[in-house]
């Protein structure tokens, strides 16, 4: 069984109503509408950050750094967005991270593995 999931372009839809989606490894960065923003479920063993913000333009950098300034994620959104969700192995409970997305900058402290200002799958 592969632990690899790649999608590029087109339309990908995930419906996880009831059970939710759990992050147990790998990297996911998603940017889109805050009205549709959903975070990972409580059974995740890997941290995730969901932040809603004012509208950001396509092509803007999305950068997640840890408290020491080490870059964990650097990605560009291909469309305008008002929400970002990131899950990656470097996100740990009890640590602080800064998400810079376009003109928005938010620092979060991970009181649990799942940080979010939007919906949460599986709740």
C-alpha atoms as a PDB file:
ATOM      1  CA  UNK A   1       0.000   0.000   0.000  1.00  0.00           C
ATOM      2  CA  UNK A   2       1.337   3.409  -0.957  1.00  0.00           C
ATOM      3  CA  UNK A   3       1.394   6.379   1.398  1.00  0.00           C
ATOM      4  CA  UNK A   4       1.377   8.776  -1.522  1.00  0.00           C
ATOM      5  CA  UNK A   5      -1.523  10.824  -2.868  1.00  0.00           C
ATOM      6  CA  UNK A   6      -0.938  13.319  -5.668  1.00  0.00           C
ATOM      7  CA  UNK A   7      -3.455  15.476  -7.443  1.00  0.00           C
ATOM      8  CA  UNK A   8      -2.626  18.288  -9.807  1.00  0.00           C
ATOM      9  CA  UNK A   9      -5.153  20.628 -11.357  1.00  0.00           C
ATOM     10  CA  UNK A  10      -8.708  19.724 -12.120  1.00  0.00           C
ATOM     11  CA  UNK A  11     -11.289  19.270  -9.383  1.00  0.00           C
ATOM     12  CA  UNK A  12     -10.865  17.046  -6.361  1.00  0.00           C
ATOM     13  CA  UNK A  13     -13.727  16.573  -3.946  1.00  0.00           C
ATOM     14  CA  UNK A  14     -13.539  14.740  -0.647  1.00  0.00           C
ATOM     15  CA  UNK A  15     -16.732  13.965   1.236  1.00  0.00           C
ATOM     16  CA  UNK A  16     -15.954  12.668   4.697  1.00  0.00           C
ATOM     17  CA  UNK A  17     -19.210  13.446   6.453  1.00  0.00           C
ATOM     18  CA  UNK A  18     -19.557  11.578   9.712  1.00  0.00           C
ATOM     19  CA  UNK A  19     -16.179   9.879   9.827  1.00  0.00           C
ATOM     20  CA  UNK A  20     -13.882  12.779   8.939  1.00  0.00           C
ATOM     21  CA  UNK A  21     -10.351  12.803   7.616  1.00  0.00           C
ATOM     22  CA  UNK A  22      -7.411  12.133   9.895  1.00  0.00           C
ATOM     23  CA  UNK A  23      -3.809  13.173   9.270  1.00  0.00           C
ATOM     24  CA  UNK A  24      -1.246  10.534  10.216  1.00  0.00           C
ATOM     25  CA  UNK A  25       1.662  11.592   7.999  1.00  0.00           C
ATOM     26  CA  UNK A  26       2.675  13.423   4.858  1.00  0.00           C
ATOM     27  CA  UNK A  27       2.123  17.030   3.833  1.00  0.00           C
ATOM     28  CA  UNK A  28      -1.092  18.773   2.844  1.00  0.00           C
ATOM     29  CA  UNK A  29      -1.496  22.460   2.011  1.00  0.00           C
ATOM     30  CA  UNK A  30      -4.899  23.678   0.841  1.00  0.00           C
ATOM     31  CA  UNK A  31      -6.147  27.202   0.201  1.00  0.00           C
ATOM     32  CA  UNK A  32      -9.716  28.149  -0.624  1.00  0.00           C
ATOM     33  CA  UNK A  33     -12.934  29.681   0.624  1.00  0.00           C
ATOM     34  CA  UNK A  34     -13.292  30.110   4.395  1.00  0.00           C
ATOM     35  CA  UNK A  35     -16.959  29.153   4.049  1.00  0.00           C
ATOM     36  CA  UNK A  36     -15.869  25.693   2.920  1.00  0.00           C
ATOM     37  CA  UNK A  37     -12.882  25.383   5.285  1.00  0.00           C
ATOM     38  CA  UNK A  38     -12.690  22.123   7.198  1.00  0.00           C
ATOM     39  CA  UNK A  39      -9.889  20.921   9.460  1.00  0.00           C
ATOM     40  CA  UNK A  40      -8.716  17.385  10.196  1.00  0.00           C
ATOM     41  CA  UNK A  41     -10.411  15.074  12.684  1.00  0.00           C
ATOM     42  CA  UNK A  42      -9.607  14.395  16.320  1.00  0.00           C
ATOM     43  CA  UNK A  43      -8.078  10.982  15.546  1.00  0.00           C
ATOM     44  CA  UNK A  44      -5.187  12.621  13.701  1.00  0.00           C
ATOM     45  CA  UNK A  45      -1.701  11.773  14.947  1.00  0.00           C
ATOM     46  CA  UNK A  46      -0.123  14.648  13.023  1.00  0.00           C
ATOM     47  CA  UNK A  47      -0.735  18.340  13.667  1.00  0.00           C
ATOM     48  CA  UNK A  48      -2.744  20.647  11.432  1.00  0.00           C
ATOM     49  CA  UNK A  49      -3.367  24.388  11.318  1.00  0.00           C
ATOM     50  CA  UNK A  50      -6.458  26.043   9.811  1.00  0.00           C
ATOM     51  CA  UNK A  51      -6.569  29.836   9.592  1.00  0.00           C
ATOM     52  CA  UNK A  52      -9.219  32.059   7.987  1.00  0.00           C
ATOM     53  CA  UNK A  53      -8.216  35.515   6.765  1.00  0.00           C
ATOM     54  CA  UNK A  54      -9.124  38.400   4.470  1.00  0.00           C
ATOM     55  CA  UNK A  55      -9.022  37.589   0.757  1.00  0.00           C
ATOM     56  CA  UNK A  56      -5.540  36.947  -0.589  1.00  0.00           C
ATOM     57  CA  UNK A  57      -4.576  37.071  -4.249  1.00  0.00           C
ATOM     58  CA  UNK A  58      -3.574  34.141  -6.436  1.00  0.00           C
ATOM     59  CA  UNK A  59       0.169  33.612  -6.647  1.00  0.00           C
ATOM     60  CA  UNK A  60       0.872  34.817  -3.109  1.00  0.00           C
ATOM     61  CA  UNK A  61       3.225  32.802  -0.924  1.00  0.00           C
ATOM     62  CA  UNK A  62       1.913  30.658   1.927  1.00  0.00           C
ATOM     63  CA  UNK A  63       4.733  30.127   4.430  1.00  0.00           C
ATOM     64  CA  UNK A  64       4.599  28.272   7.760  1.00  0.00           C
ATOM     65  CA  UNK A  65       7.545  28.692  10.144  1.00  0.00           C
ATOM     66  CA  UNK A  66       8.238  27.345  13.613  1.00  0.00           C
ATOM     67  CA  UNK A  67       9.188  29.497  16.627  1.00  0.00           C
ATOM     68  CA  UNK A  68      12.870  29.489  15.644  1.00  0.00           C
ATOM     69  CA  UNK A  69      12.033  30.728  12.133  1.00  0.00           C
ATOM     70  CA  UNK A  70      12.620  27.396  10.387  1.00  0.00           C
ATOM     71  CA  UNK A  71      10.442  27.165   7.289  1.00  0.00           C
ATOM     72  CA  UNK A  72       8.182  24.099   7.300  1.00  0.00           C
ATOM     73  CA  UNK A  73       6.051  24.963   4.264  1.00  0.00           C
ATOM     74  CA  UNK A  74       6.467  27.370   1.339  1.00  0.00           C
ATOM     75  CA  UNK A  75       3.799  27.149  -1.340  1.00  0.00           C
ATOM     76  CA  UNK A  76       1.943  29.434  -3.773  1.00  0.00           C
ATOM     77  CA  UNK A  77      -1.824  29.374  -4.188  1.00  0.00           C
ATOM     78  CA  UNK A  78      -3.035  29.292  -7.784  1.00  0.00           C
ATOM     79  CA  UNK A  79      -6.343  31.042  -6.975  1.00  0.00           C
ATOM     80  CA  UNK A  80      -7.648  33.691  -4.575  1.00  0.00           C
ATOM     81  CA  UNK A  81      -8.301  32.356  -1.077  1.00  0.00           C
ATOM     82  CA  UNK A  82      -9.618  33.259   2.393  1.00  0.00           C
ATOM     83  CA  UNK A  83      -8.560  30.131   4.260  1.00  0.00           C
ATOM     84  CA  UNK A  84      -5.472  27.925   4.551  1.00  0.00           C
ATOM     85  CA  UNK A  85      -5.156  24.464   6.101  1.00  0.00           C
ATOM     86  CA  UNK A  86      -1.747  22.846   6.541  1.00  0.00           C
ATOM     87  CA  UNK A  87      -0.775  19.472   7.946  1.00  0.00           C
ATOM     88  CA  UNK A  88       2.854  18.358   8.038  1.00  0.00           C
ATOM     89  CA  UNK A  89       5.138  16.262  10.258  1.00  0.00           C
ATOM     90  CA  UNK A  90       6.803  19.349  11.801  1.00  0.00           C
ATOM     91  CA  UNK A  91       3.634  20.595  13.540  1.00  0.00           C
ATOM     92  CA  UNK A  92       3.699  19.535  17.207  1.00  0.00           C
ATOM     93  CA  UNK A  93       1.427  20.078  20.202  1.00  0.00           C
ATOM     94  CA  UNK A  94       2.734  22.715  22.627  1.00  0.00           C
ATOM     95  CA  UNK A  95       4.727  24.596  19.977  1.00  0.00           C
ATOM     96  CA  UNK A  96       4.063  27.942  18.241  1.00  0.00           C
ATOM     97  CA  UNK A  97       3.993  28.558  14.487  1.00  0.00           C
ATOM     98  CA  UNK A  98       3.598  31.588  12.243  1.00  0.00           C
ATOM     99  CA  UNK A  99       1.537  31.395   9.069  1.00  0.00           C
ATOM    100  CA  UNK A 100       2.189  34.137   6.533  1.00  0.00           C
ATOM    101  CA  UNK A 101      -0.276  33.996   3.669  1.00  0.00           C
ATOM    102  CA  UNK A 102      -0.140  36.936   1.284  1.00  0.00           C
ATOM    103  CA  UNK A 103      -0.619  40.034   3.453  1.00  0.00           C
ATOM    104  CA  UNK A 104      -1.971  38.024   6.422  1.00  0.00           C
ATOM    105  CA  UNK A 105       0.299  36.963   9.293  1.00  0.00           C
ATOM    106  CA  UNK A 106      -0.989  34.806  12.165  1.00  0.00           C
ATOM    107  CA  UNK A 107       0.898  33.183  15.043  1.00  0.00           C
ATOM    108  CA  UNK A 108      -0.739  30.134  16.612  1.00  0.00           C
ATOM    109  CA  UNK A 109       0.075  28.045  19.673  1.00  0.00           C
ATOM    110  CA  UNK A 110      -0.798  24.382  19.330  1.00  0.00           C
ATOM    111  CA  UNK A 111      -2.742  23.651  22.533  1.00  0.00           C
ATOM    112  CA  UNK A 112      -3.734  20.390  20.818  1.00  0.00           C
ATOM    113  CA  UNK A 113      -2.678  18.693  17.574  1.00  0.00           C
ATOM    114  CA  UNK A 114      -5.531  20.379  15.686  1.00  0.00           C
ATOM    115  CA  UNK A 115      -5.666  24.191  15.523  1.00  0.00           C
ATOM    116  CA  UNK A 116      -8.501  25.753  13.596  1.00  0.00           C
ATOM    117  CA  UNK A 117     -10.770  28.726  13.251  1.00  0.00           C
ATOM    118  CA  UNK A 118     -13.169  26.862  10.957  1.00  0.00           C
ATOM    119  CA  UNK A 119     -15.091  23.588  10.878  1.00  0.00           C
ATOM    120  CA  UNK A 120     -13.497  20.331  12.035  1.00  0.00           C
ATOM    121  CA  UNK A 121     -14.145  17.024  10.284  1.00  0.00           C
ATOM    122  CA  UNK A 122     -15.365  14.162  12.388  1.00  0.00           C
ATOM    123  CA  UNK A 123     -16.807  16.294  15.187  1.00  0.00           C
END
